[in-house]
């Protein structure tokens, strides 16, 4: 989703921002914070779509 919707992304951990990065940085994996790297590694190999159960007005 990030690749299609965002130009810049703020990574948050425990309610605080730990890193702000351009989309290209995230997709290339050239990020600085260990938590950001963990999130990226955890999302690799995910293929599919998420179906919303309801629409929020």
N, C-alpha and C. Protein backbone atom coordinates (compact mmCIF):
# COMPACT_ATOMS: atom_id res chain seq x y z
N UNK A 1 0.81 -1.18 0.00
CA UNK A 1 0.00 0.00 0.00
C UNK A 1 0.86 1.25 0.00
N UNK A 2 1.89 1.24 0.80
CA UNK A 2 2.76 2.41 0.90
C UNK A 2 3.32 2.77 -0.47
N UNK A 3 3.70 1.77 -1.24
CA UNK A 3 4.30 2.01 -2.55
C UNK A 3 3.35 2.73 -3.49
N UNK A 4 2.05 2.57 -3.27
CA UNK A 4 1.06 3.16 -4.17
C UNK A 4 0.45 4.45 -3.65
N UNK A 5 0.50 4.68 -2.35
CA UNK A 5 -0.24 5.80 -1.77
C UNK A 5 0.61 6.92 -1.19
N UNK A 6 1.86 6.65 -0.85
CA UNK A 6 2.64 7.61 -0.08
C UNK A 6 3.91 8.06 -0.80
N UNK A 7 4.28 9.31 -0.57
CA UNK A 7 5.57 9.82 -1.03
C UNK A 7 6.59 9.74 0.10
N UNK A 8 6.12 10.03 1.32
CA UNK A 8 6.97 9.96 2.51
C UNK A 8 6.22 9.19 3.58
N UNK A 9 6.97 8.51 4.43
CA UNK A 9 6.37 7.66 5.45
C UNK A 9 7.02 7.95 6.79
N UNK A 10 6.19 8.07 7.82
CA UNK A 10 6.69 8.21 9.19
C UNK A 10 6.52 6.87 9.88
N UNK A 11 7.58 6.34 10.41
CA UNK A 11 7.55 5.08 11.14
C UNK A 11 7.41 5.41 12.61
N UNK A 12 6.39 4.81 13.25
CA UNK A 12 6.13 5.10 14.66
C UNK A 12 6.32 3.84 15.49
N UNK A 13 6.87 4.03 16.68
CA UNK A 13 7.05 2.94 17.63
C UNK A 13 6.69 3.47 19.01
N UNK A 14 5.81 2.78 19.69
CA UNK A 14 5.38 3.18 21.03
C UNK A 14 4.87 4.62 21.09
N UNK A 15 4.15 5.04 20.07
CA UNK A 15 3.54 6.36 20.06
C UNK A 15 4.44 7.51 19.63
N UNK A 16 5.66 7.22 19.26
CA UNK A 16 6.58 8.26 18.82
C UNK A 16 7.16 7.96 17.45
N UNK A 17 7.49 9.00 16.72
CA UNK A 17 8.08 8.83 15.41
C UNK A 17 9.57 8.50 15.56
N UNK A 18 10.01 7.40 14.94
CA UNK A 18 11.41 7.01 15.03
C UNK A 18 12.16 7.29 13.73
N UNK A 19 11.41 7.45 12.62
CA UNK A 19 12.07 7.72 11.35
C UNK A 19 11.05 8.24 10.34
N UNK A 20 11.47 9.18 9.53
CA UNK A 20 10.68 9.66 8.40
C UNK A 20 11.52 9.42 7.16
N UNK A 21 10.94 8.72 6.20
CA UNK A 21 11.71 8.34 5.02
C UNK A 21 10.89 8.51 3.75
N UNK A 22 11.57 8.74 2.66
CA UNK A 22 10.92 8.78 1.35
C UNK A 22 10.54 7.35 0.95
N UNK A 23 9.49 7.24 0.17
CA UNK A 23 9.03 5.94 -0.30
C UNK A 23 10.17 5.15 -0.94
N UNK A 24 10.98 5.80 -1.76
CA UNK A 24 12.08 5.12 -2.45
C UNK A 24 13.07 4.51 -1.45
N UNK A 25 13.34 5.22 -0.36
CA UNK A 25 14.24 4.69 0.66
C UNK A 25 13.69 3.40 1.26
N UNK A 26 12.39 3.41 1.55
CA UNK A 26 11.77 2.23 2.14
C UNK A 26 11.80 1.06 1.17
N UNK A 27 11.48 1.31 -0.08
CA UNK A 27 11.43 0.23 -1.06
C UNK A 27 12.80 -0.34 -1.36
N UNK A 28 13.84 0.50 -1.28
CA UNK A 28 15.21 0.02 -1.49
C UNK A 28 15.78 -0.63 -0.24
N UNK A 29 15.18 -0.32 0.90
CA UNK A 29 15.69 -0.86 2.16
C UNK A 29 16.83 -0.06 2.74
N UNK A 30 17.01 1.17 2.27
CA UNK A 30 18.09 2.03 2.78
C UNK A 30 17.55 2.93 3.89
N UNK A 31 17.21 2.32 5.01
CA UNK A 31 16.65 3.04 6.15
C UNK A 31 17.62 2.93 7.32
N UNK A 32 17.51 3.84 8.26
CA UNK A 32 18.48 3.93 9.35
C UNK A 32 18.05 3.21 10.62
N UNK A 33 16.78 3.29 10.97
CA UNK A 33 16.35 2.79 12.28
C UNK A 33 16.12 1.27 12.26
N UNK A 34 16.58 0.57 13.28
CA UNK A 34 16.41 -0.88 13.34
C UNK A 34 14.95 -1.33 13.30
N UNK A 35 14.05 -0.56 13.92
CA UNK A 35 12.63 -0.92 13.92
C UNK A 35 12.07 -0.86 12.51
N UNK A 36 12.48 0.14 11.73
CA UNK A 36 12.03 0.26 10.35
C UNK A 36 12.50 -0.95 9.55
N UNK A 37 13.75 -1.34 9.74
CA UNK A 37 14.27 -2.52 9.04
C UNK A 37 13.49 -3.78 9.41
N UNK A 38 13.13 -3.89 10.69
CA UNK A 38 12.35 -5.04 11.14
C UNK A 38 10.98 -5.08 10.47
N UNK A 39 10.33 -3.93 10.36
CA UNK A 39 9.02 -3.87 9.70
C UNK A 39 9.13 -4.26 8.24
N UNK A 40 10.14 -3.76 7.56
CA UNK A 40 10.32 -4.07 6.14
C UNK A 40 10.58 -5.56 5.96
N UNK A 41 11.46 -6.12 6.77
CA UNK A 41 11.76 -7.56 6.67
C UNK A 41 10.51 -8.40 6.93
N UNK A 42 9.69 -7.96 7.87
CA UNK A 42 8.48 -8.69 8.20
C UNK A 42 7.43 -8.66 7.11
N UNK A 43 7.49 -7.65 6.25
CA UNK A 43 6.48 -7.54 5.20
C UNK A 43 6.92 -8.18 3.89
N UNK A 44 8.18 -8.58 3.79
CA UNK A 44 8.67 -9.20 2.55
C UNK A 44 7.98 -10.54 2.34
N UNK A 45 7.63 -10.80 1.10
CA UNK A 45 6.97 -12.05 0.76
C UNK A 45 5.47 -12.00 0.92
N UNK A 46 4.94 -10.89 1.44
CA UNK A 46 3.49 -10.78 1.58
C UNK A 46 2.89 -10.44 0.23
N UNK A 47 1.99 -11.26 -0.22
CA UNK A 47 1.29 -11.02 -1.47
C UNK A 47 -0.18 -11.24 -1.19
N UNK A 48 -0.98 -10.29 -1.59
CA UNK A 48 -2.41 -10.46 -1.38
C UNK A 48 -3.10 -9.15 -1.15
N UNK A 49 -4.37 -9.25 -0.93
CA UNK A 49 -5.17 -8.06 -0.68
C UNK A 49 -5.90 -8.22 0.65
N UNK A 50 -6.19 -7.11 1.25
CA UNK A 50 -6.94 -7.11 2.49
C UNK A 50 -8.36 -6.67 2.18
N UNK A 51 -9.32 -7.43 2.62
CA UNK A 51 -10.71 -7.08 2.39
C UNK A 51 -11.25 -6.41 3.66
N UNK A 52 -11.78 -5.21 3.51
CA UNK A 52 -12.35 -4.50 4.65
C UNK A 52 -13.69 -5.11 5.01
N UNK A 53 -13.94 -5.28 6.30
CA UNK A 53 -15.21 -5.83 6.74
C UNK A 53 -16.33 -4.82 6.67
N UNK A 54 -15.99 -3.55 6.81
CA UNK A 54 -17.00 -2.51 6.72
C UNK A 54 -16.33 -1.22 6.24
N UNK A 55 -17.16 -0.32 5.79
CA UNK A 55 -16.68 0.97 5.31
C UNK A 55 -16.90 1.99 6.41
N UNK A 56 -15.87 2.75 6.72
CA UNK A 56 -15.98 3.80 7.74
C UNK A 56 -16.46 5.07 7.05
N UNK A 57 -17.58 5.62 7.50
CA UNK A 57 -18.13 6.84 6.84
C UNK A 57 -17.24 8.05 7.05
